[in-house]
Amino acid sequence: MWFTNMPGPQDQISLYGNQVAFVATSAYGQPVPLTVLIVSYAKKITVTLSVDDNIIPDPSVLCDDIEEAFELIKNATIDVKTPINN
């Protein structure tokens, strides 16, 4: 399994006068059954999955689970009332 997280620009950017809607990465040729690539760009997160369908026959379930996990994390951070002081 490969798992990456790559931060992108914090603000939206343009390329040759065209606004970039999102940044997604991919990887090809690795002999692994699951690759998870995560890019954060302009306060958005893009998750790209590459799966071996012999090992993970229904990747949409995995996508749904990842989306639910991010939603739980987001809600948990919003619910924090007091900042942590170091």
Protein backbone atom coordinates (compact mmCIF):
# COMPACT_ATOMS: atom_id res chain seq x y z
CA MET A 1 0.00 0.00 0.00
CA TRP A 2 1.19 3.50 -0.80
CA PHE A 3 -0.18 6.55 0.98
CA THR A 4 0.84 10.12 0.20
CA ASN A 5 -0.21 13.59 1.22
CA MET A 6 0.97 16.52 -0.83
CA PRO A 7 0.13 20.11 0.12
CA GLY A 8 -0.69 22.38 -2.77
CA PRO A 9 -1.16 26.14 -2.95
CA GLN A 10 -3.37 27.67 -0.25
CA ASP A 11 -5.01 30.05 -2.73
CA GLN A 12 -6.51 29.26 -6.11
CA ILE A 13 -4.14 29.66 -9.03
CA SER A 14 -4.47 29.97 -12.78
CA LEU A 15 -2.53 28.37 -15.59
CA TYR A 16 -2.26 30.33 -18.85
CA GLY A 17 -5.26 32.41 -17.80
CA ASN A 18 -7.44 29.39 -16.86
CA GLN A 19 -8.41 28.96 -13.23
CA VAL A 20 -7.32 25.61 -11.80
CA ALA A 21 -10.39 23.82 -10.40
CA PHE A 22 -8.47 21.11 -8.53
CA VAL A 23 -5.11 19.37 -8.44
CA ALA A 24 -5.06 15.58 -8.62
CA THR A 25 -2.06 13.29 -8.74
CA SER A 26 -1.71 9.78 -10.00
CA ALA A 27 0.87 7.05 -10.00
CA TYR A 28 1.21 4.26 -12.52
CA GLY A 29 2.93 0.91 -12.57
CA GLN A 30 3.47 0.23 -8.88
CA PRO A 31 2.81 -3.43 -8.07
CA VAL A 32 0.65 -2.65 -5.02
CA PRO A 33 -3.05 -3.43 -4.53
CA LEU A 34 -3.90 0.00 -3.08
CA THR A 35 -2.51 3.46 -3.68
CA VAL A 36 -4.04 6.46 -1.90
CA LEU A 37 -2.92 9.89 -3.11
CA ILE A 38 -4.15 12.98 -1.25
CA VAL A 39 -3.64 16.56 -2.36
CA SER A 40 -4.85 19.59 -0.43
CA TYR A 41 -5.37 22.62 -2.66
CA ALA A 42 -7.10 25.92 -1.85
CA LYS A 43 -8.95 24.51 1.16
CA LYS A 44 -10.11 21.45 -0.84
CA ILE A 45 -8.92 17.87 -0.54
CA THR A 46 -8.71 15.54 -3.52
CA VAL A 47 -8.30 11.83 -2.86
CA THR A 48 -7.23 9.60 -5.73
CA LEU A 49 -7.43 5.83 -5.32
CA SER A 50 -5.77 3.23 -7.47
CA VAL A 51 -6.83 -0.32 -6.63
CA ASP A 52 -6.28 -3.87 -7.79
CA ASP A 53 -9.83 -5.09 -8.34
CA ASN A 54 -8.76 -8.66 -7.54
CA ILE A 55 -7.96 -7.49 -3.99
CA ILE A 56 -10.51 -4.67 -3.58
CA PRO A 57 -13.51 -5.64 -5.73
CA ASP A 58 -15.67 -2.59 -4.88
CA PRO A 59 -13.53 0.55 -4.53
CA SER A 60 -16.62 2.78 -4.31
CA VAL A 61 -17.24 1.40 -0.79
CA LEU A 62 -13.69 2.40 0.16
CA CYS A 63 -14.29 5.89 -1.31
CA ASP A 64 -17.49 6.22 0.72
CA ASP A 65 -15.64 5.17 3.89
CA ILE A 66 -12.85 7.69 3.27
CA GLU A 67 -15.41 10.44 2.66
CA GLU A 68 -17.22 9.55 5.89
CA ALA A 69 -13.92 9.54 7.82
CA PHE A 70 -13.03 13.02 6.54
CA GLU A 71 -16.51 14.25 7.50
CA LEU A 72 -16.07 12.85 11.03
CA ILE A 73 -12.67 14.53 11.33
CA LYS A 74 -14.07 17.84 10.08
CA ASN A 75 -17.00 17.71 12.50
CA ALA A 76 -14.74 16.79 15.41
CA THR A 77 -12.49 19.79 14.74
CA ILE A 78 -15.44 22.17 14.35
CA ASP A 79 -16.91 20.95 17.67
CA VAL A 80 -13.77 21.87 19.60
CA LYS A 81 -14.71 24.94 21.64
CA THR A 82 -11.46 25.73 23.42
CA PRO A 83 -8.16 26.18 21.61
CA ILE A 84 -5.25 24.10 22.83
CA ASN A 85 -2.41 26.27 24.17
CA ASN A 86 1.11 24.89 24.09
